Amino acid sequence: MNACKQNGIDCNPSCGDEDVMGADFYLTYGKETRFFDVTTNTFAKSVSKKVREGTFPSLFIPWAYRNNGKPSYAEDYLREGKFNGTQFLHNILDVNYVMLDSLRRKVWRNQDVDRKLFGDEVLDLSRCGIQYLNHLDGILYLIRKAM
C-alpha cells in the first residue's frame, strides 16, 4: 500500500465478503476496481493452491531489491522510514508478468513453467484457467496504467 501511495495509486485493504473470499486488497483506477491477493511465498505447494480458477489473482511480491548488497525493501523501510516504491512496483510487474507468461504457456500449450521462478520444484497448475489469467492480466494492466 505504501508503494501505491507513493505513486498515486488508489489501493486499499479489502474487508467484508471479498476479504473472506481471499482478496487482500483492491485497486481502483477510474471506474475500474480489481481485487487481488498478495504473497511473498513462492513455494510450489503454496503457488499451486493460490493459482486456480475461482480465486482472486495473487500478486507475487518481491522481497528484495535486485542489486546484490542492497537490503530488502522491509529493511530499507525499517532503517530509513522509506523505500523506493516505484522500483518496488516495477519489480512486482516484472515478476508477475513472467508468472502470467508461464501460466499462459501452461494453460494454452501445456508447457512447463519458467524455471527462473521456481527452480526444479514441480508445480500443479492444472486448476489454473482462462478466467484466472484474465483477472491477473487485468490487475497488472491496471497497476501499469495507474503508474
Protein backbone atom coordinates (compact mmCIF):
# COMPACT_ATOMS: atom_id res chain seq x y z
CA MET A 1 0.00 0.00 0.00
CA ASN A 2 2.87 2.34 0.76
CA ALA A 3 4.33 1.86 -2.73
CA CYS A 4 0.92 2.54 -4.26
CA LYS A 5 0.53 5.67 -2.14
CA GLN A 6 3.99 6.88 -3.25
CA ASN A 7 2.86 6.51 -6.86
CA GLY A 8 -0.63 7.99 -6.50
CA ILE A 9 -2.39 4.64 -6.94
CA ASP A 10 -5.68 4.13 -5.08
CA CYS A 11 -5.10 0.82 -3.25
CA ASN A 12 -6.98 -0.22 -0.11
CA PRO A 13 -7.29 -3.29 2.12
CA SER A 14 -10.30 -5.48 1.42
CA CYS A 15 -12.94 -6.08 4.01
CA GLY A 16 -16.21 -7.93 4.21
CA ASP A 17 -17.10 -10.61 1.67
CA GLU A 18 -14.06 -10.02 -0.57
CA ASP A 19 -11.70 -10.40 2.39
CA VAL A 20 -13.40 -13.63 3.46
CA MET A 21 -13.08 -14.92 -0.13
CA GLY A 22 -9.31 -14.28 -0.16
CA ALA A 23 -8.78 -10.78 -1.55
CA ASP A 24 -6.22 -8.83 0.50
CA PHE A 25 -6.53 -5.53 -1.39
CA TYR A 26 -8.43 -3.74 -4.10
CA LEU A 27 -7.14 -1.22 -6.58
CA THR A 28 -9.31 1.44 -8.19
CA TYR A 29 -8.40 3.37 -11.30
CA GLY A 30 -11.09 5.50 -12.90
CA LYS A 31 -14.28 3.44 -12.95
CA GLU A 32 -12.47 0.11 -12.71
CA THR A 33 -11.89 -1.79 -9.44
CA ARG A 34 -9.89 -5.02 -9.14
CA PHE A 35 -9.48 -7.27 -6.10
CA PHE A 36 -6.32 -9.30 -5.53
CA ASP A 37 -4.32 -11.38 -3.07
CA VAL A 38 -0.63 -10.80 -2.26
CA THR A 39 2.09 -13.24 -1.22
CA THR A 40 5.86 -13.45 -0.86
CA ASN A 41 5.66 -17.24 -0.74
CA THR A 42 6.83 -18.91 -3.95
CA PHE A 43 6.99 -22.48 -2.65
CA ALA A 44 5.42 -24.80 -5.20
CA LYS A 45 2.68 -26.10 -2.89
CA SER A 46 1.59 -22.58 -1.93
CA VAL A 47 1.61 -21.35 -5.53
CA SER A 48 -0.42 -24.36 -6.65
CA LYS A 49 -3.05 -23.51 -4.02
CA LYS A 50 -3.26 -19.84 -4.95
CA VAL A 51 -3.16 -20.07 -8.74
CA ARG A 52 -6.51 -21.63 -9.53
CA GLU A 53 -9.83 -20.82 -11.09
CA GLY A 54 -12.35 -19.25 -8.72
CA THR A 55 -9.80 -17.33 -6.65
CA PHE A 56 -8.65 -13.75 -6.78
CA PRO A 57 -5.37 -13.31 -8.66
CA SER A 58 -2.28 -13.49 -6.45
CA LEU A 59 0.45 -10.92 -6.91
CA PHE A 60 3.86 -12.26 -6.01
CA ILE A 61 5.71 -9.58 -4.08
CA PRO A 62 9.50 -9.23 -4.39
CA TRP A 63 11.23 -9.37 -1.04
CA ALA A 64 14.45 -7.59 -2.00
CA TYR A 65 15.98 -5.21 -4.49
CA ARG A 66 17.60 -6.90 -7.48
CA ASN A 67 21.04 -5.42 -6.83
CA ASN A 68 23.30 -7.55 -4.65
CA GLY A 69 24.34 -5.94 -1.42
CA LYS A 70 21.16 -3.89 -1.08
CA PRO A 71 18.91 -4.53 1.91
CA SER A 72 15.39 -5.85 1.46
CA TYR A 73 12.54 -3.40 0.99
CA ALA A 74 11.46 -4.13 4.57
CA GLU A 75 14.96 -3.42 5.95
CA ASP A 76 15.09 -0.18 3.99
CA TYR A 77 11.74 0.87 5.39
CA LEU A 78 12.64 -0.02 8.98
CA ARG A 79 16.06 1.67 8.85
CA GLU A 80 15.26 4.73 6.75
CA GLY A 81 11.49 5.07 7.15
CA LYS A 82 11.12 4.86 3.36
CA PHE A 83 11.84 2.68 0.34
CA ASN A 84 11.74 3.08 -3.42
CA GLY A 85 8.05 2.44 -4.11
CA THR A 86 8.36 2.97 -7.85
CA GLN A 87 11.10 0.36 -8.17
CA PHE A 88 9.08 -1.96 -5.91
CA LEU A 89 6.03 -1.71 -8.20
CA HIS A 90 8.18 -2.22 -11.31
CA ASN A 91 9.63 -5.37 -9.72
CA ILE A 92 6.11 -6.57 -8.88
CA LEU A 93 5.14 -6.09 -12.53
CA ASP A 94 8.30 -7.85 -13.79
CA VAL A 95 7.86 -10.91 -11.57
CA ASN A 96 4.14 -11.21 -12.21
CA TYR A 97 4.38 -10.79 -15.98
CA VAL A 98 6.87 -13.68 -16.01
CA MET A 99 4.36 -15.64 -13.92
CA LEU A 100 1.50 -14.69 -16.26
CA ASP A 101 3.52 -15.76 -19.30
CA SER A 102 4.32 -19.10 -17.65
CA LEU A 103 0.67 -19.63 -16.72
CA ARG A 104 -0.47 -18.82 -20.25
CA ARG A 105 2.03 -21.31 -21.67
CA LYS A 106 0.76 -23.94 -19.24
CA VAL A 107 -2.95 -23.30 -19.91
CA TRP A 108 -2.77 -22.77 -23.69
CA ARG A 109 0.10 -25.08 -24.70
CA ASN A 110 0.63 -27.34 -21.68
CA GLN A 111 4.28 -26.23 -21.49
CA ASP A 112 6.34 -26.19 -18.30
CA VAL A 113 6.52 -23.02 -16.21
CA ASP A 114 9.52 -20.69 -16.22
CA ARG A 115 12.32 -22.25 -14.16
CA LYS A 116 13.62 -18.81 -13.15
CA LEU A 117 10.66 -18.54 -10.82
CA PHE A 118 10.57 -21.93 -9.17
CA GLY A 119 13.78 -23.81 -9.92
CA ASP A 120 13.23 -27.56 -10.06
CA GLU A 121 10.08 -27.60 -7.92
CA VAL A 122 7.12 -29.30 -9.58
CA LEU A 123 4.02 -27.14 -9.76
CA ASP A 124 0.48 -28.41 -10.15
CA LEU A 125 -1.18 -25.68 -12.19
CA SER A 126 -3.95 -27.90 -13.51
CA ARG A 127 -6.59 -25.79 -11.74
CA CYS A 128 -5.50 -22.54 -13.40
CA GLY A 129 -7.80 -21.44 -16.18
CA ILE A 130 -8.60 -18.64 -18.59
CA GLN A 131 -10.65 -16.65 -16.08
CA TYR A 132 -7.73 -16.58 -13.61
CA LEU A 133 -5.36 -15.48 -16.41
CA ASN A 134 -7.70 -12.66 -17.42
CA HIS A 135 -8.05 -11.44 -13.84
CA LEU A 136 -4.28 -11.48 -13.26
CA ASP A 137 -3.68 -9.70 -16.56
CA GLY A 138 -6.33 -7.14 -15.57
CA ILE A 139 -4.74 -6.23 -12.24
CA LEU A 140 -1.25 -5.97 -13.79
CA TYR A 141 -2.62 -3.75 -16.55
CA LEU A 142 -4.36 -1.53 -14.00
CA ILE A 143 -1.14 -1.09 -11.97
CA ARG A 144 0.82 -0.29 -15.12
CA LYS A 145 -1.83 2.16 -16.33
CA ALA A 146 -2.04 3.90 -12.93
CA MET A 147 1.73 4.42 -12.77
